Amino acid sequence: MNPFNKWIWLAIAGLLLLHHDFWFWENDYLVGGFMPIGLAYHVVYSIVVTITWVILTFKFWPQDLIQE
């Protein structure tokens, strides 16, 4: 197995664990004075997951499916 593959599996497992943010459920802090901290966390989380998904797509997309 490629060492890069191990890092990707660790990243996916970490993102799955971080998806359940039980530590912000009862926090009333507002980020920027208007956004609850739990919502701000999920905004950042969604951006990180999107970047991870793009990396996975470019790294593992089969080359024979690309039309020129």
C-alpha atoms as a PDB file:
ATOM      1  CA  MET A   1       0.000   0.000   0.000  1.00  0.00           C
ATOM      2  CA  ASN A   2       1.230   3.444  -0.919  1.00  0.00           C
ATOM      3  CA  PRO A   3       2.159   5.646   2.115  1.00  0.00           C
ATOM      4  CA  PHE A   4      -0.107   8.385   0.701  1.00  0.00           C
ATOM      5  CA  ASN A   5      -3.046   5.962   0.908  1.00  0.00           C
ATOM      6  CA  LYS A   6      -2.442   5.443   4.620  1.00  0.00           C
ATOM      7  CA  TRP A   7      -2.532   9.206   5.228  1.00  0.00           C
ATOM      8  CA  ILE A   8      -5.745   9.528   3.238  1.00  0.00           C
ATOM      9  CA  TRP A   9      -7.426   6.769   5.278  1.00  0.00           C
ATOM     10  CA  LEU A  10      -6.286   8.450   8.490  1.00  0.00           C
ATOM     11  CA  ALA A  11      -7.640  11.798   7.259  1.00  0.00           C
ATOM     12  CA  ILE A  12     -10.992  10.238   6.369  1.00  0.00           C
ATOM     13  CA  ALA A  13     -11.227   8.528   9.762  1.00  0.00           C
ATOM     14  CA  GLY A  14     -10.321  11.799  11.493  1.00  0.00           C
ATOM     15  CA  LEU A  15     -12.939  13.725   9.539  1.00  0.00           C
ATOM     16  CA  LEU A  16     -15.563  11.128  10.432  1.00  0.00           C
ATOM     17  CA  LEU A  17     -14.722  11.494  14.120  1.00  0.00           C
ATOM     18  CA  LEU A  18     -14.677  15.302  13.944  1.00  0.00           C
ATOM     19  CA  HIS A  19     -18.082  15.428  12.257  1.00  0.00           C
ATOM     20  CA  HIS A  20     -19.860  14.846  15.566  1.00  0.00           C
ATOM     21  CA  ASP A  21     -19.019  18.040  17.451  1.00  0.00           C
ATOM     22  CA  PHE A  22     -20.710  17.292  20.755  1.00  0.00           C
ATOM     23  CA  TRP A  23     -18.409  19.775  22.528  1.00  0.00           C
ATOM     24  CA  PHE A  24     -20.201  22.819  21.002  1.00  0.00           C
ATOM     25  CA  TRP A  25     -23.790  21.763  21.702  1.00  0.00           C
ATOM     26  CA  GLU A  26     -24.239  23.910  24.812  1.00  0.00           C
ATOM     27  CA  ASN A  27     -21.855  26.735  23.957  1.00  0.00           C
ATOM     28  CA  ASP A  28     -23.580  30.101  23.416  1.00  0.00           C
ATOM     29  CA  TYR A  29     -20.519  31.879  21.985  1.00  0.00           C
ATOM     30  CA  LEU A  30     -21.148  33.838  18.778  1.00  0.00           C
ATOM     31  CA  VAL A  31     -18.380  34.032  16.168  1.00  0.00           C
ATOM     32  CA  GLY A  32     -18.254  37.545  14.766  1.00  0.00           C
ATOM     33  CA  GLY A  33     -21.165  38.466  16.985  1.00  0.00           C
ATOM     34  CA  PHE A  34     -23.764  36.691  14.839  1.00  0.00           C
ATOM     35  CA  MET A  35     -22.865  33.056  14.062  1.00  0.00           C
ATOM     36  CA  PRO A  36     -23.111  30.316  16.696  1.00  0.00           C
ATOM     37  CA  ILE A  37     -19.813  28.510  17.273  1.00  0.00           C
ATOM     38  CA  GLY A  38     -21.316  25.160  16.239  1.00  0.00           C
ATOM     39  CA  LEU A  39     -22.376  26.567  12.867  1.00  0.00           C
ATOM     40  CA  ALA A  40     -18.986  28.220  12.355  1.00  0.00           C
ATOM     41  CA  TYR A  41     -17.319  24.897  13.164  1.00  0.00           C
ATOM     42  CA  HIS A  42     -19.378  23.165  10.496  1.00  0.00           C
ATOM     43  CA  VAL A  43     -18.556  25.863   7.945  1.00  0.00           C
ATOM     44  CA  VAL A  44     -14.840  25.245   8.493  1.00  0.00           C
ATOM     45  CA  TYR A  45     -15.412  21.489   8.616  1.00  0.00           C
ATOM     46  CA  SER A  46     -17.259  21.586   5.270  1.00  0.00           C
ATOM     47  CA  ILE A  47     -14.399  23.502   3.650  1.00  0.00           C
ATOM     48  CA  VAL A  48     -11.846  20.962   4.938  1.00  0.00           C
ATOM     49  CA  VAL A  49     -13.976  18.035   3.722  1.00  0.00           C
ATOM     50  CA  THR A  50     -14.353  19.681   0.303  1.00  0.00           C
ATOM     51  CA  ILE A  51     -10.590  20.144  -0.025  1.00  0.00           C
ATOM     52  CA  THR A  52     -10.044  16.514   1.008  1.00  0.00           C
ATOM     53  CA  TRP A  53     -12.602  15.317  -1.537  1.00  0.00           C
ATOM     54  CA  VAL A  54     -10.952  17.347  -4.329  1.00  0.00           C
ATOM     55  CA  ILE A  55      -7.541  15.885  -3.464  1.00  0.00           C
ATOM     56  CA  LEU A  56      -8.979  12.370  -3.478  1.00  0.00           C
ATOM     57  CA  THR A  57     -10.695  12.957  -6.804  1.00  0.00           C
ATOM     58  CA  PHE A  58      -7.568  14.257  -8.530  1.00  0.00           C
ATOM     59  CA  LYS A  59      -5.329  11.592  -6.987  1.00  0.00           C
ATOM     60  CA  PHE A  60      -7.483   8.493  -7.522  1.00  0.00           C
ATOM     61  CA  TRP A  61      -9.645   9.264 -10.576  1.00  0.00           C
ATOM     62  CA  PRO A  62      -9.008   6.575 -13.235  1.00  0.00           C
ATOM     63  CA  GLN A  63      -6.972   8.042 -16.089  1.00  0.00           C
ATOM     64  CA  ASP A  64      -8.745   5.926 -18.714  1.00  0.00           C
ATOM     65  CA  LEU A  65     -12.016   7.800 -18.039  1.00  0.00           C
ATOM     66  CA  ILE A  66     -10.533  11.165 -18.984  1.00  0.00           C
ATOM     67  CA  GLN A  67     -11.501  12.204 -22.505  1.00  0.00           C
ATOM     68  CA  GLU A  68      -9.170  14.418 -24.466  1.00  0.00           C
END
